[in-house]
Amino acid sequence: MTTLPRLAAFALLAGLVAGCSSGSGGGYVAAAGKQGNAAPLTVEQLSAKVGCKPKMQVNASEIRTGYCKTADGEFFVTTFKTQAGKDAWMDAAPEYNPHLVGKLWTVLSSRKVLDLLKERLGGDLHLTDHRTRQMRTIG
């Protein structure tokens, strides 16, 4: 995957930026979409759903990113403590698409890999910059 080093560098940068931001409190939301006090799924839990033990790239309080390589392909799993943190990350990541997006997580990879992972993780497949009117989301 030719963009893998760029994705790793971006994940690290995003972690540093998010770690320095104040964030907005708020409750956690589980990746399965259930609201309430349920803890969100971790990088490790999401990765385990697709048969991977992640190599952690960013391990900050507001954002965590792990790298995985499976038979499906290579990808990055990122989790966020708050929706505001996820939104800030999404605003900084428009050129890295497509990506699979859940409540407090994202997965970055090629479209082929994301199609395979979506079957097990759920989420929405974002095919373009989420801030434009042309954004296509496949639910």
N, C-alpha and C. Protein backbone atom coordinates (compact mmCIF):
# COMPACT_ATOMS: atom_id res chain seq x y z
N MET A 1 0.85 -1.17 0.00
CA MET A 1 0.00 0.00 0.00
C MET A 1 0.89 1.23 0.00
N THR A 2 0.81 2.04 -1.01
CA THR A 2 1.73 3.16 -1.16
C THR A 2 1.44 4.29 -0.19
N THR A 3 0.24 4.44 0.30
CA THR A 3 -0.07 5.53 1.22
C THR A 3 0.13 5.16 2.68
N LEU A 4 0.56 3.96 2.95
CA LEU A 4 0.70 3.51 4.33
C LEU A 4 1.60 4.41 5.16
N PRO A 5 2.80 4.80 4.69
CA PRO A 5 3.62 5.70 5.50
C PRO A 5 2.94 7.05 5.74
N ARG A 6 2.22 7.55 4.75
CA ARG A 6 1.50 8.82 4.93
C ARG A 6 0.41 8.67 5.96
N LEU A 7 -0.32 7.56 5.94
CA LEU A 7 -1.37 7.33 6.92
C LEU A 7 -0.79 7.25 8.33
N ALA A 8 0.33 6.56 8.47
CA ALA A 8 0.96 6.43 9.79
C ALA A 8 1.41 7.80 10.30
N ALA A 9 2.00 8.60 9.44
CA ALA A 9 2.44 9.94 9.84
C ALA A 9 1.24 10.80 10.22
N PHE A 10 0.16 10.70 9.45
CA PHE A 10 -1.03 11.47 9.76
C PHE A 10 -1.64 11.03 11.08
N ALA A 11 -1.69 9.72 11.32
CA ALA A 11 -2.25 9.21 12.57
C ALA A 11 -1.47 9.74 13.76
N LEU A 12 -0.16 9.76 13.65
CA LEU A 12 0.68 10.27 14.73
C LEU A 12 0.42 11.76 14.93
N LEU A 13 0.37 12.53 13.86
CA LEU A 13 0.11 13.95 13.96
C LEU A 13 -1.26 14.22 14.56
N ALA A 14 -2.26 13.49 14.13
CA ALA A 14 -3.61 13.66 14.67
C ALA A 14 -3.64 13.37 16.16
N GLY A 15 -2.90 12.36 16.58
CA GLY A 15 -2.84 12.03 18.00
C GLY A 15 -2.20 13.14 18.81
N LEU A 16 -1.17 13.74 18.29
CA LEU A 16 -0.51 14.84 18.98
C LEU A 16 -1.41 16.06 19.07
N VAL A 17 -2.10 16.38 17.99
CA VAL A 17 -3.02 17.51 17.98
C VAL A 17 -4.17 17.28 18.95
N ALA A 18 -4.77 16.10 18.90
CA ALA A 18 -5.90 15.79 19.77
C ALA A 18 -5.48 15.76 21.23
N GLY A 19 -4.28 15.30 21.50
CA GLY A 19 -3.80 15.24 22.87
C GLY A 19 -3.63 16.62 23.48
N CYS A 20 -3.45 17.62 22.65
CA CYS A 20 -3.26 18.99 23.12
C CYS A 20 -4.56 19.77 23.19
N SER A 21 -5.65 19.21 22.67
CA SER A 21 -6.92 19.93 22.68
C SER A 21 -7.70 19.61 23.94
N SER A 22 -8.62 20.50 24.29
CA SER A 22 -9.38 20.31 25.52
C SER A 22 -10.51 19.31 25.35
N GLY A 23 -11.03 19.16 24.14
CA GLY A 23 -12.13 18.23 23.91
C GLY A 23 -13.39 18.71 24.61
N SER A 24 -14.48 18.01 24.40
CA SER A 24 -15.71 18.34 25.12
C SER A 24 -16.16 17.08 25.82
N GLY A 25 -16.38 17.16 27.07
CA GLY A 25 -16.78 16.02 27.91
C GLY A 25 -17.72 15.09 27.21
N GLY A 26 -18.92 14.99 27.72
CA GLY A 26 -19.90 14.14 27.07
C GLY A 26 -19.71 12.68 27.41
N GLY A 27 -20.77 11.91 27.25
CA GLY A 27 -20.69 10.49 27.55
C GLY A 27 -20.11 9.71 26.40
N TYR A 28 -19.75 8.51 26.68
CA TYR A 28 -19.22 7.63 25.65
C TYR A 28 -20.37 6.98 24.91
N VAL A 29 -20.10 6.59 23.68
CA VAL A 29 -21.08 5.89 22.87
C VAL A 29 -20.42 4.63 22.35
N ALA A 30 -21.09 3.51 22.50
CA ALA A 30 -20.54 2.25 22.02
C ALA A 30 -20.50 2.24 20.50
N ALA A 31 -19.53 1.55 19.94
CA ALA A 31 -19.39 1.49 18.48
C ALA A 31 -20.59 0.86 17.82
N ALA A 32 -21.33 0.04 18.54
CA ALA A 32 -22.49 -0.61 17.97
C ALA A 32 -23.68 0.35 17.86
N GLY A 33 -23.50 1.59 18.37
CA GLY A 33 -24.54 2.58 18.21
C GLY A 33 -25.46 2.71 19.40
N LYS A 34 -25.22 2.05 20.49
CA LYS A 34 -26.05 2.14 21.67
C LYS A 34 -25.57 3.33 22.49
N GLN A 35 -26.49 4.24 22.79
CA GLN A 35 -26.13 5.39 23.59
C GLN A 35 -26.28 5.07 25.06
N GLY A 36 -25.60 5.86 25.87
CA GLY A 36 -25.68 5.67 27.30
C GLY A 36 -24.29 5.68 27.89
N ASN A 37 -24.13 5.01 29.01
CA ASN A 37 -22.86 5.00 29.71
C ASN A 37 -21.96 3.85 29.31
N ALA A 38 -22.34 3.11 28.29
CA ALA A 38 -21.51 2.00 27.84
C ALA A 38 -20.18 2.53 27.31
N ALA A 39 -19.11 1.86 27.66
CA ALA A 39 -17.78 2.27 27.19
C ALA A 39 -17.66 2.00 25.69
N PRO A 40 -16.97 2.88 24.98
CA PRO A 40 -16.78 2.64 23.54
C PRO A 40 -15.84 1.47 23.33
N LEU A 41 -15.93 0.88 22.16
CA LEU A 41 -14.99 -0.19 21.83
C LEU A 41 -13.60 0.39 21.67
N THR A 42 -12.62 -0.37 22.08
CA THR A 42 -11.23 0.07 21.99
C THR A 42 -10.64 -0.34 20.64
N VAL A 43 -9.46 0.18 20.35
CA VAL A 43 -8.72 -0.23 19.15
C VAL A 43 -8.55 -1.74 19.15
N GLU A 44 -8.20 -2.28 20.32
CA GLU A 44 -7.98 -3.72 20.44
C GLU A 44 -9.25 -4.52 20.18
N GLN A 45 -10.38 -4.05 20.70
CA GLN A 45 -11.65 -4.77 20.49
C GLN A 45 -12.10 -4.72 19.04
N LEU A 46 -12.00 -3.56 18.42
CA LEU A 46 -12.37 -3.44 17.01
C LEU A 46 -11.45 -4.31 16.14
N SER A 47 -10.16 -4.28 16.44
CA SER A 47 -9.19 -5.08 15.68
C SER A 47 -9.45 -6.57 15.84
N ALA A 48 -9.79 -6.98 17.06
CA ALA A 48 -10.06 -8.40 17.32
C ALA A 48 -11.25 -8.89 16.50
N LYS A 49 -12.21 -8.02 16.25
CA LYS A 49 -13.39 -8.40 15.45
C LYS A 49 -13.01 -8.80 14.03
N VAL A 50 -11.85 -8.34 13.56
CA VAL A 50 -11.41 -8.67 12.20
C VAL A 50 -10.15 -9.51 12.21
N GLY A 51 -9.84 -10.11 13.38
CA GLY A 51 -8.72 -11.05 13.47
C GLY A 51 -7.34 -10.43 13.51
N CYS A 52 -7.20 -9.31 14.19
CA CYS A 52 -5.91 -8.63 14.24
C CYS A 52 -5.53 -8.25 15.66
N LYS A 53 -4.26 -8.32 15.96
CA LYS A 53 -3.71 -7.74 17.19
C LYS A 53 -2.97 -6.49 16.73
N PRO A 54 -3.49 -5.29 17.05
CA PRO A 54 -2.93 -4.06 16.49
C PRO A 54 -1.56 -3.71 17.06
N LYS A 55 -0.77 -3.06 16.22
CA LYS A 55 0.49 -2.45 16.65
C LYS A 55 0.16 -0.99 16.90
N MET A 56 0.22 -0.57 18.15
CA MET A 56 -0.20 0.78 18.50
C MET A 56 0.74 1.83 17.91
N GLN A 57 0.15 2.84 17.31
CA GLN A 57 0.87 3.95 16.71
C GLN A 57 0.72 5.21 17.56
N VAL A 58 -0.50 5.44 18.08
CA VAL A 58 -0.81 6.58 18.93
C VAL A 58 -1.58 6.03 20.13
N ASN A 59 -1.15 6.41 21.33
CA ASN A 59 -1.80 5.92 22.54
C ASN A 59 -1.95 7.09 23.52
N ALA A 60 -2.83 8.03 23.16
CA ALA A 60 -3.08 9.22 23.98
C ALA A 60 -4.45 9.10 24.63
N SER A 61 -4.73 9.97 25.56
CA SER A 61 -6.01 9.88 26.27
C SER A 61 -7.20 10.21 25.37
N GLU A 62 -7.03 11.10 24.39
CA GLU A 62 -8.14 11.52 23.53
C GLU A 62 -8.27 10.71 22.25
N ILE A 63 -7.18 10.08 21.80
CA ILE A 63 -7.17 9.36 20.53
C ILE A 63 -6.19 8.20 20.61
N ARG A 64 -6.57 7.07 20.01
CA ARG A 64 -5.69 5.91 19.95
C ARG A 64 -5.75 5.34 18.54
N THR A 65 -4.60 4.97 17.99
CA THR A 65 -4.54 4.42 16.64
C THR A 65 -3.66 3.19 16.64
N GLY A 66 -4.16 2.13 16.02
CA GLY A 66 -3.40 0.91 15.86
C GLY A 66 -3.33 0.51 14.39
N TYR A 67 -2.22 -0.09 14.01
CA TYR A 67 -2.00 -0.59 12.65
C TYR A 67 -2.27 -2.08 12.63
N CYS A 68 -2.98 -2.53 11.62
CA CYS A 68 -3.28 -3.95 11.47
C CYS A 68 -2.93 -4.43 10.06
N LYS A 69 -2.53 -5.68 9.99
CA LYS A 69 -2.32 -6.33 8.71
C LYS A 69 -2.93 -7.72 8.83
N THR A 70 -3.93 -7.98 8.00
CA THR A 70 -4.61 -9.28 8.00
C THR A 70 -4.67 -9.80 6.56
N ALA A 71 -5.31 -10.93 6.40
CA ALA A 71 -5.51 -11.48 5.05
C ALA A 71 -6.34 -10.51 4.20
N ASP A 72 -7.17 -9.68 4.84
CA ASP A 72 -7.97 -8.70 4.11
C ASP A 72 -7.13 -7.54 3.59
N GLY A 73 -6.03 -7.23 4.28
CA GLY A 73 -5.16 -6.12 3.88
C GLY A 73 -4.65 -5.35 5.08
N GLU A 74 -4.07 -4.18 4.81
CA GLU A 74 -3.49 -3.31 5.84
C GLU A 74 -4.45 -2.15 6.12
N PHE A 75 -4.53 -1.76 7.40
CA PHE A 75 -5.43 -0.67 7.76
C PHE A 75 -5.06 -0.10 9.13
N PHE A 76 -5.59 1.10 9.40
CA PHE A 76 -5.42 1.76 10.69
C PHE A 76 -6.77 1.88 11.36
N VAL A 77 -6.85 1.52 12.63
CA VAL A 77 -8.05 1.65 13.44
C VAL A 77 -7.79 2.78 14.44
N THR A 78 -8.67 3.78 14.44
CA THR A 78 -8.52 4.91 15.36
C THR A 78 -9.79 5.05 16.18
N THR A 79 -9.61 5.22 17.50
CA THR A 79 -10.75 5.46 18.39
C THR A 79 -10.58 6.82 19.05
N PHE A 80 -11.71 7.39 19.44
CA PHE A 80 -11.74 8.74 20.01
C PHE A 80 -12.47 8.71 21.33
N LYS A 81 -12.05 9.56 22.25
CA LYS A 81 -12.71 9.65 23.55
C LYS A 81 -14.03 10.39 23.44
N THR A 82 -14.08 11.40 22.57
CA THR A 82 -15.28 12.22 22.44
C THR A 82 -15.66 12.40 20.97
N GLN A 83 -16.92 12.75 20.77
CA GLN A 83 -17.39 13.06 19.42
C GLN A 83 -16.67 14.30 18.89
N ALA A 84 -16.40 15.27 19.75
CA ALA A 84 -15.69 16.48 19.33
C ALA A 84 -14.29 16.13 18.83
N GLY A 85 -13.63 15.19 19.49
CA GLY A 85 -12.31 14.75 19.05
C GLY A 85 -12.38 14.07 17.70
N LYS A 86 -13.39 13.24 17.52
CA LYS A 86 -13.57 12.57 16.22
C LYS A 86 -13.86 13.59 15.13
N ASP A 87 -14.72 14.56 15.43
CA ASP A 87 -15.05 15.59 14.45
C ASP A 87 -13.81 16.39 14.05
N ALA A 88 -12.97 16.73 15.02
CA ALA A 88 -11.74 17.47 14.73
C ALA A 88 -10.82 16.64 13.84
N TRP A 89 -10.72 15.36 14.12
CA TRP A 89 -9.90 14.47 13.31
C TRP A 89 -10.44 14.39 11.89
N MET A 90 -11.76 14.24 11.78
CA MET A 90 -12.40 14.15 10.46
C MET A 90 -12.18 15.43 9.67
N ASP A 91 -12.20 16.59 10.34
CA ASP A 91 -11.97 17.86 9.65
C ASP A 91 -10.55 17.97 9.12
N ALA A 92 -9.61 17.27 9.76
CA ALA A 92 -8.21 17.35 9.35
C ALA A 92 -7.83 16.25 8.36
N ALA A 93 -8.73 15.34 8.05
CA ALA A 93 -8.38 14.17 7.25
C ALA A 93 -9.10 14.04 5.92
N PRO A 94 -9.45 15.11 5.22
CA PRO A 94 -10.24 14.94 4.01
C PRO A 94 -9.55 14.21 2.88
N GLU A 95 -8.23 14.31 2.77
CA GLU A 95 -7.57 13.66 1.64
C GLU A 95 -7.37 12.17 1.85
N TYR A 96 -7.57 11.69 3.06
CA TYR A 96 -7.37 10.27 3.34
C TYR A 96 -8.71 9.57 3.25
N ASN A 97 -9.15 9.29 2.06
CA ASN A 97 -10.40 8.59 1.91
C ASN A 97 -10.19 7.49 0.91
N PRO A 98 -10.96 6.50 0.90
CA PRO A 98 -12.14 6.37 1.73
C PRO A 98 -11.79 5.96 3.16
N HIS A 99 -12.76 6.07 4.03
CA HIS A 99 -12.59 5.56 5.38
C HIS A 99 -13.93 5.06 5.90
N LEU A 100 -13.84 4.11 6.81
CA LEU A 100 -15.00 3.52 7.45
C LEU A 100 -15.19 4.24 8.77
N VAL A 101 -16.42 4.68 9.06
CA VAL A 101 -16.67 5.52 10.22
C VAL A 101 -17.76 4.93 11.09
N GLY A 102 -17.44 4.79 12.38
CA GLY A 102 -18.41 4.37 13.39
C GLY A 102 -18.65 5.52 14.35
N LYS A 103 -19.33 5.24 15.46
CA LYS A 103 -19.68 6.29 16.43
C LYS A 103 -18.46 7.03 16.97
N LEU A 104 -17.49 6.33 17.51
CA LEU A 104 -16.28 6.96 18.04
C LEU A 104 -15.04 6.27 17.49
N TRP A 105 -15.10 5.87 16.21
CA TRP A 105 -13.95 5.22 15.58
C TRP A 105 -13.95 5.44 14.08
N THR A 106 -12.77 5.28 13.51
CA THR A 106 -12.61 5.28 12.06
C THR A 106 -11.60 4.20 11.68
N VAL A 107 -11.70 3.73 10.46
CA VAL A 107 -10.72 2.80 9.90
C VAL A 107 -10.28 3.37 8.56
N LEU A 108 -8.98 3.47 8.35
CA LEU A 108 -8.42 3.98 7.10
C LEU A 108 -7.75 2.87 6.33
N SER A 109 -8.06 2.78 5.04
CA SER A 109 -7.42 1.80 4.17
C SER A 109 -7.91 2.03 2.75
N SER A 110 -7.66 1.06 1.90
CA SER A 110 -8.17 1.12 0.53
C SER A 110 -9.65 0.74 0.53
N ARG A 111 -10.32 1.11 -0.52
CA ARG A 111 -11.76 0.79 -0.64
C ARG A 111 -11.98 -0.72 -0.57
N LYS A 112 -11.13 -1.49 -1.22
CA LYS A 112 -11.28 -2.95 -1.24
C LYS A 112 -11.24 -3.52 0.18
N VAL A 113 -10.27 -3.07 0.96
CA VAL A 113 -10.12 -3.56 2.34
C VAL A 113 -11.30 -3.10 3.19
N LEU A 114 -11.70 -1.85 3.04
CA LEU A 114 -12.80 -1.33 3.85
C LEU A 114 -14.11 -2.05 3.55
N ASP A 115 -14.34 -2.42 2.31
CA ASP A 115 -15.55 -3.19 1.97
C ASP A 115 -15.58 -4.50 2.73
N LEU A 116 -14.43 -5.16 2.85
CA LEU A 116 -14.35 -6.42 3.58
C LEU A 116 -14.54 -6.20 5.09
N LEU A 117 -13.93 -5.16 5.62
CA LEU A 117 -14.02 -4.89 7.06
C LEU A 117 -15.41 -4.44 7.48
N LYS A 118 -16.09 -3.72 6.60
CA LYS A 118 -17.43 -3.22 6.91
C LYS A 118 -18.40 -4.34 7.25
N GLU A 119 -18.22 -5.48 6.62
CA GLU A 119 -19.10 -6.62 6.90
C GLU A 119 -19.03 -7.04 8.36
N ARG A 120 -17.87 -6.89 8.99
CA ARG A 120 -17.70 -7.32 10.38
C ARG A 120 -17.76 -6.18 11.39
N LEU A 121 -17.43 -4.97 10.97
CA LEU A 121 -17.41 -3.85 11.90
C LEU A 121 -18.65 -2.98 11.84
N GLY A 122 -19.34 -3.00 10.70
CA GLY A 122 -20.44 -2.08 10.52
C GLY A 122 -19.89 -0.71 10.16
N GLY A 123 -20.61 0.32 10.54
CA GLY A 123 -20.18 1.68 10.25
C GLY A 123 -20.61 2.12 8.87
N ASP A 124 -20.23 3.34 8.52
CA ASP A 124 -20.55 3.93 7.22
C ASP A 124 -19.26 4.13 6.44
N LEU A 125 -19.31 3.84 5.18
CA LEU A 125 -18.16 4.02 4.30
C LEU A 125 -18.22 5.43 3.72
N HIS A 126 -17.25 6.28 4.07
CA HIS A 126 -17.17 7.63 3.54
C HIS A 126 -16.24 7.61 2.34
N LEU A 127 -16.75 8.02 1.19
CA LEU A 127 -15.99 7.93 -0.05
C LEU A 127 -15.33 9.23 -0.47
N THR A 128 -15.75 10.36 0.09
CA THR A 128 -15.14 11.64 -0.22
C THR A 128 -15.09 12.47 1.05
N ASP A 129 -14.55 13.67 0.94
CA ASP A 129 -14.47 14.59 2.07
C ASP A 129 -15.86 14.78 2.66
N HIS A 130 -16.00 14.52 3.96
CA HIS A 130 -17.31 14.58 4.60
C HIS A 130 -17.89 15.99 4.67
N ARG A 131 -17.09 17.01 4.40
CA ARG A 131 -17.57 18.40 4.51
C ARG A 131 -18.16 18.91 3.22
N THR A 132 -18.07 18.16 2.14
CA THR A 132 -18.59 18.64 0.86
C THR A 132 -19.99 18.10 0.61
N ARG A 133 -20.69 18.75 -0.25
CA ARG A 133 -22.04 18.29 -0.58
C ARG A 133 -22.03 17.01 -1.40
N GLN A 134 -20.91 16.72 -2.03
CA GLN A 134 -20.81 15.56 -2.88
C GLN A 134 -20.49 14.29 -2.09
N MET A 135 -20.37 14.39 -0.76
CA MET A 135 -20.00 13.23 0.03
C MET A 135 -20.98 12.08 -0.20
N ARG A 136 -20.44 10.93 -0.44
CA ARG A 136 -21.25 9.72 -0.57
C ARG A 136 -20.96 8.85 0.61
N THR A 137 -22.01 8.44 1.29
CA THR A 137 -21.89 7.54 2.42
C THR A 137 -22.65 6.29 2.10
N ILE A 138 -22.00 5.15 2.29
CA ILE A 138 -22.65 3.87 2.06
C ILE A 138 -22.87 3.23 3.42
N GLY A 139 -24.11 3.11 3.83
CA GLY A 139 -24.45 2.61 5.17
C GLY A 139 -24.58 1.13 5.23
